[in-house]
Amino acid sequence: MGVLSRMSYVVRSKINAILNRAEDPSETLDYSYEQMRDELQDVKQGIADLTTQKKRLEMQKRKLEENVEKHNEQARQAVQADREDLARQALEKKKTKMNQIEELEGQIADLQNTQDNLVEKKDQLQNRIEEFRTKKESMKARYEAAEAQTRVSEAMTGAGDEMEDVGRAIERAEERTEDMEARSQAMDELQDSGVFEDALSDKDSLDRELEDVRTSGEVDAELETLKAEMGKESADSGGSGGETDLETETETEVADEDIEAELEEIRDDDEN
């Protein structure tokens, strides 16, 4: 596998991993659950706003009711003082305040109905969220179990992107190992054939052959010299005809004894 192919494979693997995470049902379910909780929070906030508005209208209504009582008392006082004009003004203000109270009561009733509807929807939404949460956790558990089982199955069968990557890594390792083994064997053969020695030496093949001939000639000459010397000693020993056989035998025994003594000394020295 070339470098570009390996890089392309790695990039595809990373992209697939990102897409798989993006399509993770667990994350999708969690996101939907959070969205529903946000909606529930908005509903609760709307109920709180309506309640606040209704409380304001109720406060205004109480103030108007206090004014109605006040104007009613003013009208009675004016009648007692024979001031019908003042009593009429007080009653007119009382009437105005009562009309305002009636309008406020209608608005308060409308807000109460809206609030009741929102509270009912809030309860329904909250129940749905709880049901969804239970299903969500169940689905997440099932998905995680299925995902784990799939990973195990892929590992057992050798399927899947990760196992495919492992297989390709093994193939690359085997190829590199075989290349190294072949290279090692080739190096051994070259070394046995003397190629490396030739490469390290500044002599050509002719120089080496001539050197071998000279070496062989020197060895042969030394061998002939040694043979000649040995032949000369034999000739000297055979040419001493004036000595008796007994003397020759005695000298030979003495020489053998000397040689044995020297060899014994050599062996003793070696052992020490």
C-alpha atoms as a PDB file:
ATOM      1  CA  MET A   1       0.000   0.000   0.000  1.00  0.00           C
ATOM      2  CA  GLY A   2       1.452   3.364  -1.031  1.00  0.00           C
ATOM      3  CA  VAL A   3       1.776   6.399   1.212  1.00  0.00           C
ATOM      4  CA  LEU A   4      -1.059   8.250  -0.518  1.00  0.00           C
ATOM      5  CA  SER A   5      -3.352   5.233  -0.283  1.00  0.00           C
ATOM      6  CA  ARG A   6      -2.608   4.853   3.419  1.00  0.00           C
ATOM      7  CA  MET A   7      -3.243   8.573   4.046  1.00  0.00           C
ATOM      8  CA  SER A   8      -6.498   8.381   2.099  1.00  0.00           C
ATOM      9  CA  TYR A   9      -7.562   5.374   4.141  1.00  0.00           C
ATOM     10  CA  VAL A  10      -6.791   7.152   7.413  1.00  0.00           C
ATOM     11  CA  VAL A  11      -8.756  10.244   6.324  1.00  0.00           C
ATOM     12  CA  ARG A  12     -11.758   8.136   5.313  1.00  0.00           C
ATOM     13  CA  SER A  13     -11.638   6.311   8.627  1.00  0.00           C
ATOM     14  CA  LYS A  14     -11.612   9.579  10.570  1.00  0.00           C
ATOM     15  CA  ILE A  15     -14.512  11.001   8.529  1.00  0.00           C
ATOM     16  CA  ASN A  16     -16.557   7.826   9.034  1.00  0.00           C
ATOM     17  CA  ALA A  17     -15.885   7.965  12.750  1.00  0.00           C
ATOM     18  CA  ILE A  18     -17.077  11.599  12.900  1.00  0.00           C
ATOM     19  CA  LEU A  19     -20.224  10.801  10.914  1.00  0.00           C
ATOM     20  CA  ASN A  20     -20.959   7.813  13.128  1.00  0.00           C
ATOM     21  CA  ARG A  21     -20.658   9.984  16.218  1.00  0.00           C
ATOM     22  CA  ALA A  22     -22.900  12.597  14.588  1.00  0.00           C
ATOM     23  CA  GLU A  23     -25.518   9.897  13.912  1.00  0.00           C
ATOM     24  CA  ASP A  24     -25.278   8.460  17.417  1.00  0.00           C
ATOM     25  CA  PRO A  25     -28.886   7.818  18.557  1.00  0.00           C
ATOM     26  CA  SER A  26     -27.877   8.416  22.166  1.00  0.00           C
ATOM     27  CA  GLU A  27     -26.805  11.958  21.400  1.00  0.00           C
ATOM     28  CA  THR A  28     -29.913  12.539  19.275  1.00  0.00           C
ATOM     29  CA  LEU A  29     -32.202  11.347  22.064  1.00  0.00           C
ATOM     30  CA  ASP A  30     -30.398  13.463  24.637  1.00  0.00           C
ATOM     31  CA  TYR A  31     -30.709  16.514  22.385  1.00  0.00           C
ATOM     32  CA  SER A  32     -34.455  15.942  21.882  1.00  0.00           C
ATOM     33  CA  TYR A  33     -34.900  15.525  25.616  1.00  0.00           C
ATOM     34  CA  GLU A  34     -33.135  18.812  26.286  1.00  0.00           C
ATOM     35  CA  GLN A  35     -35.306  20.536  23.666  1.00  0.00           C
ATOM     36  CA  MET A  36     -38.457  19.313  25.395  1.00  0.00           C
ATOM     37  CA  ARG A  37     -37.128  20.496  28.741  1.00  0.00           C
ATOM     38  CA  ASP A  38     -36.472  23.921  27.222  1.00  0.00           C
ATOM     39  CA  GLU A  39     -40.066  24.034  25.957  1.00  0.00           C
ATOM     40  CA  LEU A  40     -41.324  23.094  29.405  1.00  0.00           C
ATOM     41  CA  GLN A  41     -39.247  25.876  30.899  1.00  0.00           C
ATOM     42  CA  ASP A  42     -40.748  28.350  28.415  1.00  0.00           C
ATOM     43  CA  VAL A  43     -44.254  27.246  29.394  1.00  0.00           C
ATOM     44  CA  LYS A  44     -43.451  27.682  33.071  1.00  0.00           C
ATOM     45  CA  GLN A  45     -42.046  31.122  32.367  1.00  0.00           C
ATOM     46  CA  GLY A  46     -45.240  32.039  30.473  1.00  0.00           C
ATOM     47  CA  ILE A  47     -47.364  30.872  33.407  1.00  0.00           C
ATOM     48  CA  ALA A  48     -45.263  32.977  35.769  1.00  0.00           C
ATOM     49  CA  ASP A  49     -45.702  36.053  33.541  1.00  0.00           C
ATOM     50  CA  LEU A  50     -49.466  35.535  33.383  1.00  0.00           C
ATOM     51  CA  THR A  51     -49.662  35.138  37.133  1.00  0.00           C
ATOM     52  CA  THR A  52     -47.712  38.349  37.618  1.00  0.00           C
ATOM     53  CA  GLN A  53     -50.016  40.219  35.231  1.00  0.00           C
ATOM     54  CA  LYS A  54     -53.091  38.837  36.933  1.00  0.00           C
ATOM     55  CA  LYS A  55     -51.783  39.902  40.335  1.00  0.00           C
ATOM     56  CA  ARG A  56     -51.309  43.445  39.048  1.00  0.00           C
ATOM     57  CA  LEU A  57     -54.892  43.592  37.788  1.00  0.00           C
ATOM     58  CA  GLU A  58     -56.151  42.238  41.094  1.00  0.00           C
ATOM     59  CA  MET A  59     -54.229  44.965  42.928  1.00  0.00           C
ATOM     60  CA  GLN A  60     -55.795  47.600  40.677  1.00  0.00           C
ATOM     61  CA  LYS A  61     -59.213  46.090  41.335  1.00  0.00           C
ATOM     62  CA  ARG A  62     -58.715  46.303  45.100  1.00  0.00           C
ATOM     63  CA  LYS A  63     -57.715  49.957  44.811  1.00  0.00           C
ATOM     64  CA  LEU A  64     -60.830  50.707  42.710  1.00  0.00           C
ATOM     65  CA  GLU A  65     -62.986  48.881  45.226  1.00  0.00           C
ATOM     66  CA  GLU A  66     -61.495  51.042  47.946  1.00  0.00           C
ATOM     67  CA  ASN A  67     -62.307  54.115  45.863  1.00  0.00           C
ATOM     68  CA  VAL A  68     -65.871  52.908  45.388  1.00  0.00           C
ATOM     69  CA  GLU A  69     -66.312  52.699  49.141  1.00  0.00           C
ATOM     70  CA  LYS A  70     -64.746  56.102  49.514  1.00  0.00           C
ATOM     71  CA  HIS A  71     -67.061  57.722  46.933  1.00  0.00           C
ATOM     72  CA  ASN A  72     -70.054  55.996  48.485  1.00  0.00           C
ATOM     73  CA  GLU A  73     -69.158  57.467  51.862  1.00  0.00           C
ATOM     74  CA  GLN A  74     -68.671  60.898  50.265  1.00  0.00           C
ATOM     75  CA  ALA A  75     -72.123  60.706  48.702  1.00  0.00           C
ATOM     76  CA  ARG A  76     -73.743  59.925  52.078  1.00  0.00           C
ATOM     77  CA  GLN A  77     -71.917  62.781  53.734  1.00  0.00           C
ATOM     78  CA  ALA A  78     -73.008  65.178  50.982  1.00  0.00           C
ATOM     79  CA  VAL A  79     -76.645  64.116  51.343  1.00  0.00           C
ATOM     80  CA  GLN A  80     -76.463  64.712  55.058  1.00  0.00           C
ATOM     81  CA  ALA A  81     -75.102  68.150  54.355  1.00  0.00           C
ATOM     82  CA  ASP A  82     -77.866  68.844  51.839  1.00  0.00           C
ATOM     83  CA  ARG A  83     -75.294  69.048  49.073  1.00  0.00           C
ATOM     84  CA  GLU A  84     -76.905  67.031  46.319  1.00  0.00           C
ATOM     85  CA  ASP A  85     -74.451  68.373  43.789  1.00  0.00           C
ATOM     86  CA  LEU A  86     -71.533  66.922  45.706  1.00  0.00           C
ATOM     87  CA  ALA A  87     -73.397  63.723  46.309  1.00  0.00           C
ATOM     88  CA  ARG A  88     -74.066  63.441  42.547  1.00  0.00           C
ATOM     89  CA  GLN A  89     -70.340  63.920  41.749  1.00  0.00           C
ATOM     90  CA  ALA A  90     -69.364  61.309  44.286  1.00  0.00           C
ATOM     91  CA  LEU A  91     -71.854  58.833  42.848  1.00  0.00           C
ATOM     92  CA  GLU A  92     -70.656  59.533  39.312  1.00  0.00           C
ATOM     93  CA  LYS A  93     -67.056  58.741  40.360  1.00  0.00           C
ATOM     94  CA  LYS A  94     -68.343  55.666  42.119  1.00  0.00           C
ATOM     95  CA  LYS A  95     -70.023  54.531  38.934  1.00  0.00           C
ATOM     96  CA  THR A  96     -66.877  55.089  36.893  1.00  0.00           C
ATOM     97  CA  LYS A  97     -64.805  53.074  39.316  1.00  0.00           C
ATOM     98  CA  MET A  98     -67.338  50.271  39.301  1.00  0.00           C
ATOM     99  CA  ASN A  99     -67.206  50.118  35.493  1.00  0.00           C
ATOM    100  CA  GLN A 100     -63.434  49.897  35.663  1.00  0.00           C
ATOM    101  CA  ILE A 101     -63.698  47.148  38.246  1.00  0.00           C
ATOM    102  CA  GLU A 102     -66.021  45.228  35.943  1.00  0.00           C
ATOM    103  CA  GLU A 103     -63.541  45.505  33.067  1.00  0.00           C
ATOM    104  CA  LEU A 104     -60.696  44.391  35.301  1.00  0.00           C
ATOM    105  CA  GLU A 105     -62.703  41.417  36.482  1.00  0.00           C
ATOM    106  CA  GLY A 106     -63.189  40.336  32.847  1.00  0.00           C
ATOM    107  CA  GLN A 107     -59.472  40.697  32.152  1.00  0.00           C
ATOM    108  CA  ILE A 108     -58.603  38.817  35.309  1.00  0.00           C
ATOM    109  CA  ALA A 109     -60.973  36.024  34.328  1.00  0.00           C
ATOM    110  CA  ASP A 110     -59.413  35.799  30.876  1.00  0.00           C
ATOM    111  CA  LEU A 111     -55.928  35.644  32.363  1.00  0.00           C
ATOM    112  CA  GLN A 112     -57.075  32.984  34.793  1.00  0.00           C
ATOM    113  CA  ASN A 113     -58.463  30.854  31.976  1.00  0.00           C
ATOM    114  CA  THR A 114     -55.234  31.248  30.005  1.00  0.00           C
ATOM    115  CA  GLN A 115     -53.231  30.395  33.073  1.00  0.00           C
ATOM    116  CA  ASP A 116     -55.334  27.304  33.730  1.00  0.00           C
ATOM    117  CA  ASN A 117     -54.839  26.161  30.130  1.00  0.00           C
ATOM    118  CA  LEU A 118     -51.116  26.702  30.351  1.00  0.00           C
ATOM    119  CA  VAL A 119     -50.902  24.840  33.624  1.00  0.00           C
ATOM    120  CA  GLU A 120     -52.787  21.918  32.086  1.00  0.00           C
ATOM    121  CA  LYS A 121     -50.502  21.915  29.036  1.00  0.00           C
ATOM    122  CA  LYS A 122     -47.514  22.220  31.306  1.00  0.00           C
ATOM    123  CA  ASP A 123     -48.605  19.136  33.217  1.00  0.00           C
ATOM    124  CA  GLN A 124     -49.206  17.225  29.981  1.00  0.00           C
ATOM    125  CA  LEU A 125     -45.830  18.277  28.603  1.00  0.00           C
ATOM    126  CA  GLN A 126     -44.139  17.339  31.830  1.00  0.00           C
ATOM    127  CA  ASN A 127     -45.733  13.893  31.722  1.00  0.00           C
ATOM    128  CA  ARG A 128     -44.642  13.469  28.123  1.00  0.00           C
ATOM    129  CA  ILE A 129     -41.114  14.481  29.048  1.00  0.00           C
ATOM    130  CA  GLU A 130     -41.015  11.910  31.823  1.00  0.00           C
ATOM    131  CA  GLU A 131     -42.294   9.222  29.456  1.00  0.00           C
ATOM    132  CA  PHE A 132     -39.780  10.287  26.837  1.00  0.00           C
ATOM    133  CA  ARG A 133     -36.981  10.217  29.382  1.00  0.00           C
ATOM    134  CA  THR A 134     -37.866   6.644  30.321  1.00  0.00           C
ATOM    135  CA  LYS A 135     -38.002   5.586  26.667  1.00  0.00           C
ATOM    136  CA  LYS A 136     -34.814   7.492  25.963  1.00  0.00           C
ATOM    137  CA  GLU A 137     -32.858   5.672  28.638  1.00  0.00           C
ATOM    138  CA  SER A 138     -34.277   2.365  27.441  1.00  0.00           C
ATOM    139  CA  MET A 139     -33.359   3.117  23.828  1.00  0.00           C
ATOM    140  CA  LYS A 140     -29.878   4.239  24.828  1.00  0.00           C
ATOM    141  CA  ALA A 141     -29.343   1.027  26.770  1.00  0.00           C
ATOM    142  CA  ARG A 142     -30.551  -1.060  23.817  1.00  0.00           C
ATOM    143  CA  TYR A 143     -28.354   0.875  21.391  1.00  0.00           C
ATOM    144  CA  GLU A 144     -25.273   0.552  23.584  1.00  0.00           C
ATOM    145  CA  ALA A 145     -25.908  -3.166  23.984  1.00  0.00           C
ATOM    146  CA  ALA A 146     -26.371  -3.593  20.223  1.00  0.00           C
ATOM    147  CA  GLU A 147     -23.262  -1.530  19.550  1.00  0.00           C
ATOM    148  CA  ALA A 148     -21.206  -3.628  21.967  1.00  0.00           C
ATOM    149  CA  GLN A 149     -22.546  -6.832  20.433  1.00  0.00           C
ATOM    150  CA  THR A 150     -21.711  -5.540  16.962  1.00  0.00           C
ATOM    151  CA  ARG A 151     -18.158  -4.687  17.997  1.00  0.00           C
ATOM    152  CA  VAL A 152     -17.716  -8.156  19.477  1.00  0.00           C
ATOM    153  CA  SER A 153     -19.138  -9.782  16.345  1.00  0.00           C
ATOM    154  CA  GLU A 154     -16.888  -7.706  14.116  1.00  0.00           C
ATOM    155  CA  ALA A 155     -13.880  -8.617  16.252  1.00  0.00           C
ATOM    156  CA  MET A 156     -14.773 -12.307  16.134  1.00  0.00           C
ATOM    157  CA  THR A 157     -15.420 -12.358  12.381  1.00  0.00           C
ATOM    158  CA  GLY A 158     -12.661  -9.927  11.429  1.00  0.00           C
ATOM    159  CA  ALA A 159     -15.155  -7.496   9.892  1.00  0.00           C
ATOM    160  CA  GLY A 160     -15.452  -3.789  10.434  1.00  0.00           C
ATOM    161  CA  ASP A 161     -13.184  -0.835   9.760  1.00  0.00           C
ATOM    162  CA  GLU A 162     -10.979  -1.323  12.804  1.00  0.00           C
ATOM    163  CA  MET A 163     -10.357  -5.009  12.109  1.00  0.00           C
ATOM    164  CA  GLU A 164      -9.769  -4.197   8.452  1.00  0.00           C
ATOM    165  CA  ASP A 165      -7.167  -1.680   9.549  1.00  0.00           C
ATOM    166  CA  VAL A 166      -5.567  -4.327  11.776  1.00  0.00           C
ATOM    167  CA  GLY A 167      -5.546  -6.795   8.876  1.00  0.00           C
ATOM    168  CA  ARG A 168      -3.869  -4.288   6.618  1.00  0.00           C
ATOM    169  CA  ALA A 169      -1.317  -3.492   9.305  1.00  0.00           C
ATOM    170  CA  ILE A 170      -0.520  -7.204   9.601  1.00  0.00           C
ATOM    171  CA  GLU A 171      -0.150  -7.467   5.830  1.00  0.00           C
ATOM    172  CA  ARG A 172       2.241  -4.510   5.804  1.00  0.00           C
ATOM    173  CA  ALA A 173       4.229  -6.025   8.675  1.00  0.00           C
ATOM    174  CA  GLU A 174       4.458  -9.360   6.850  1.00  0.00           C
ATOM    175  CA  GLU A 175       5.587  -7.656   3.656  1.00  0.00           C
ATOM    176  CA  ARG A 176       8.267  -5.690   5.501  1.00  0.00           C
ATOM    177  CA  THR A 177       9.401  -8.826   7.350  1.00  0.00           C
ATOM    178  CA  GLU A 178       9.663 -10.815   4.128  1.00  0.00           C
ATOM    179  CA  ASP A 179      11.609  -7.979   2.496  1.00  0.00           C
ATOM    180  CA  MET A 180      14.023  -7.868   5.424  1.00  0.00           C
ATOM    181  CA  GLU A 181      14.451 -11.647   5.388  1.00  0.00           C
ATOM    182  CA  ALA A 182      15.124 -11.624   1.651  1.00  0.00           C
ATOM    183  CA  ARG A 183      17.578  -8.770   2.068  1.00  0.00           C
ATOM    184  CA  SER A 184      19.367 -10.634   4.886  1.00  0.00           C
ATOM    185  CA  GLN A 185      19.682 -13.789   2.778  1.00  0.00           C
ATOM    186  CA  ALA A 186      20.979 -11.767  -0.162  1.00  0.00           C
ATOM    187  CA  MET A 187      23.563 -10.075   2.056  1.00  0.00           C
ATOM    188  CA  ASP A 188      24.710 -13.478   3.352  1.00  0.00           C
ATOM    189  CA  GLU A 189      25.104 -14.809  -0.197  1.00  0.00           C
ATOM    190  CA  LEU A 190      27.043 -11.728  -1.259  1.00  0.00           C
ATOM    191  CA  GLN A 191      29.294 -12.028   1.754  1.00  0.00           C
ATOM    192  CA  ASP A 192      29.956 -15.712   1.046  1.00  0.00           C
ATOM    193  CA  SER A 193      30.818 -14.922  -2.541  1.00  0.00           C
ATOM    194  CA  GLY A 194      33.404 -12.353  -1.439  1.00  0.00           C
ATOM    195  CA  VAL A 195      31.669  -9.374  -2.999  1.00  0.00           C
ATOM    196  CA  PHE A 196      32.015  -7.284   0.147  1.00  0.00           C
ATOM    197  CA  GLU A 197      35.727  -8.102   0.431  1.00  0.00           C
ATOM    198  CA  ASP A 198      36.145  -7.108  -3.201  1.00  0.00           C
ATOM    199  CA  ALA A 199      34.330  -3.882  -2.549  1.00  0.00           C
ATOM    200  CA  LEU A 200      36.520  -3.064   0.456  1.00  0.00           C
ATOM    201  CA  SER A 201      39.826  -3.955  -1.282  1.00  0.00           C
ATOM    202  CA  ASP A 202      41.629  -1.807  -3.825  1.00  0.00           C
ATOM    203  CA  LYS A 203      43.007  -4.899  -5.654  1.00  0.00           C
ATOM    204  CA  ASP A 204      41.438  -6.227  -8.829  1.00  0.00           C
ATOM    205  CA  SER A 205      40.899  -9.908  -9.603  1.00  0.00           C
ATOM    206  CA  LEU A 206      44.191 -10.223 -11.489  1.00  0.00           C
ATOM    207  CA  ASP A 207      46.160  -8.869  -8.525  1.00  0.00           C
ATOM    208  CA  ARG A 208      44.481 -11.332  -6.201  1.00  0.00           C
ATOM    209  CA  GLU A 209      45.169 -14.283  -8.512  1.00  0.00           C
ATOM    210  CA  LEU A 210      48.846 -13.329  -8.866  1.00  0.00           C
ATOM    211  CA  GLU A 211      49.104 -12.970  -5.115  1.00  0.00           C
ATOM    212  CA  ASP A 212      47.619 -16.437  -4.698  1.00  0.00           C
ATOM    213  CA  VAL A 213      50.176 -17.829  -7.196  1.00  0.00           C
ATOM    214  CA  ARG A 214      53.076 -16.172  -5.367  1.00  0.00           C
ATOM    215  CA  THR A 215      51.844 -17.466  -2.034  1.00  0.00           C
ATOM    216  CA  SER A 216      51.489 -20.965  -3.425  1.00  0.00           C
ATOM    217  CA  GLY A 217      54.985 -20.761  -4.961  1.00  0.00           C
ATOM    218  CA  GLU A 218      56.520 -19.610  -1.716  1.00  0.00           C
ATOM    219  CA  VAL A 219      54.859 -22.468   0.147  1.00  0.00           C
ATOM    220  CA  ASP A 220      56.124 -24.963  -2.447  1.00  0.00           C
ATOM    221  CA  ALA A 221      59.672 -23.554  -2.245  1.00  0.00           C
ATOM    222  CA  GLU A 222      59.662 -23.753   1.538  1.00  0.00           C
ATOM    223  CA  LEU A 223      58.388 -27.313   1.338  1.00  0.00           C
ATOM    224  CA  GLU A 224      61.182 -28.278  -1.099  1.00  0.00           C
ATOM    225  CA  THR A 225      63.756 -26.653   1.187  1.00  0.00           C
ATOM    226  CA  LEU A 226      62.425 -28.585   4.157  1.00  0.00           C
ATOM    227  CA  LYS A 227      62.471 -31.802   2.165  1.00  0.00           C
ATOM    228  CA  ALA A 228      66.023 -31.116   1.001  1.00  0.00           C
ATOM    229  CA  GLU A 229      67.197 -30.468   4.536  1.00  0.00           C
ATOM    230  CA  MET A 230      65.659 -33.689   5.713  1.00  0.00           C
ATOM    231  CA  GLY A 231      67.249 -35.546   2.828  1.00  0.00           C
ATOM    232  CA  LYS A 232      70.657 -34.029   3.674  1.00  0.00           C
ATOM    233  CA  GLU A 233      70.457 -35.175   7.330  1.00  0.00           C
ATOM    234  CA  SER A 234      69.602 -38.673   6.135  1.00  0.00           C
ATOM    235  CA  ALA A 235      72.600 -38.643   3.766  1.00  0.00           C
ATOM    236  CA  ASP A 236      75.026 -37.542   6.536  1.00  0.00           C
ATOM    237  CA  SER A 237      73.790 -40.249   8.842  1.00  0.00           C
ATOM    238  CA  GLY A 238      74.205 -42.920   6.154  1.00  0.00           C
ATOM    239  CA  GLY A 239      77.729 -41.723   5.129  1.00  0.00           C
ATOM    240  CA  SER A 240      79.506 -42.381   8.488  1.00  0.00           C
ATOM    241  CA  GLY A 241      80.811 -45.905   7.542  1.00  0.00           C
ATOM    242  CA  GLY A 242      83.783 -45.832   9.984  1.00  0.00           C
ATOM    243  CA  GLU A 243      81.433 -46.336  13.041  1.00  0.00           C
ATOM    244  CA  THR A 244      80.221 -49.738  14.180  1.00  0.00           C
ATOM    245  CA  ASP A 245      76.592 -50.728  14.268  1.00  0.00           C
ATOM    246  CA  LEU A 246      76.725 -50.842  18.060  1.00  0.00           C
ATOM    247  CA  GLU A 247      77.923 -47.240  18.293  1.00  0.00           C
ATOM    248  CA  THR A 248      75.296 -46.123  15.857  1.00  0.00           C
ATOM    249  CA  GLU A 249      72.601 -47.931  17.806  1.00  0.00           C
ATOM    250  CA  THR A 250      73.901 -46.485  21.095  1.00  0.00           C
ATOM    251  CA  GLU A 251      73.888 -42.963  19.696  1.00  0.00           C
ATOM    252  CA  THR A 252      70.398 -43.450  18.389  1.00  0.00           C
ATOM    253  CA  GLU A 253      69.146 -44.600  21.796  1.00  0.00           C
ATOM    254  CA  VAL A 254      70.847 -41.644  23.478  1.00  0.00           C
ATOM    255  CA  ALA A 255      69.272 -39.281  20.946  1.00  0.00           C
ATOM    256  CA  ASP A 256      65.842 -40.865  21.515  1.00  0.00           C
ATOM    257  CA  GLU A 257      66.251 -40.516  25.260  1.00  0.00           C
ATOM    258  CA  ASP A 258      67.172 -36.847  24.872  1.00  0.00           C
ATOM    259  CA  ILE A 259      64.163 -36.275  22.676  1.00  0.00           C
ATOM    260  CA  GLU A 260      61.890 -38.048  25.144  1.00  0.00           C
ATOM    261  CA  ALA A 261      63.336 -35.963  27.992  1.00  0.00           C
ATOM    262  CA  GLU A 262      62.762 -32.732  26.091  1.00  0.00           C
ATOM    263  CA  LEU A 263      59.221 -33.779  25.192  1.00  0.00           C
ATOM    264  CA  GLU A 264      58.560 -34.623  28.829  1.00  0.00           C
ATOM    265  CA  GLU A 265      59.774 -31.191  29.919  1.00  0.00           C
ATOM    266  CA  ILE A 266      57.547 -29.589  27.299  1.00  0.00           C
ATOM    267  CA  ARG A 267      54.534 -31.543  28.553  1.00  0.00           C
ATOM    268  CA  ASP A 268      55.291 -30.577  32.161  1.00  0.00           C
ATOM    269  CA  ASP A 269      55.537 -26.931  31.196  1.00  0.00           C
ATOM    270  CA  ASP A 270      52.241 -27.128  29.343  1.00  0.00           C
ATOM    271  CA  GLU A 271      50.495 -28.706  32.326  1.00  0.00           C
ATOM    272  CA  ASN A 272      51.881 -26.072  34.710  1.00  0.00           C
END
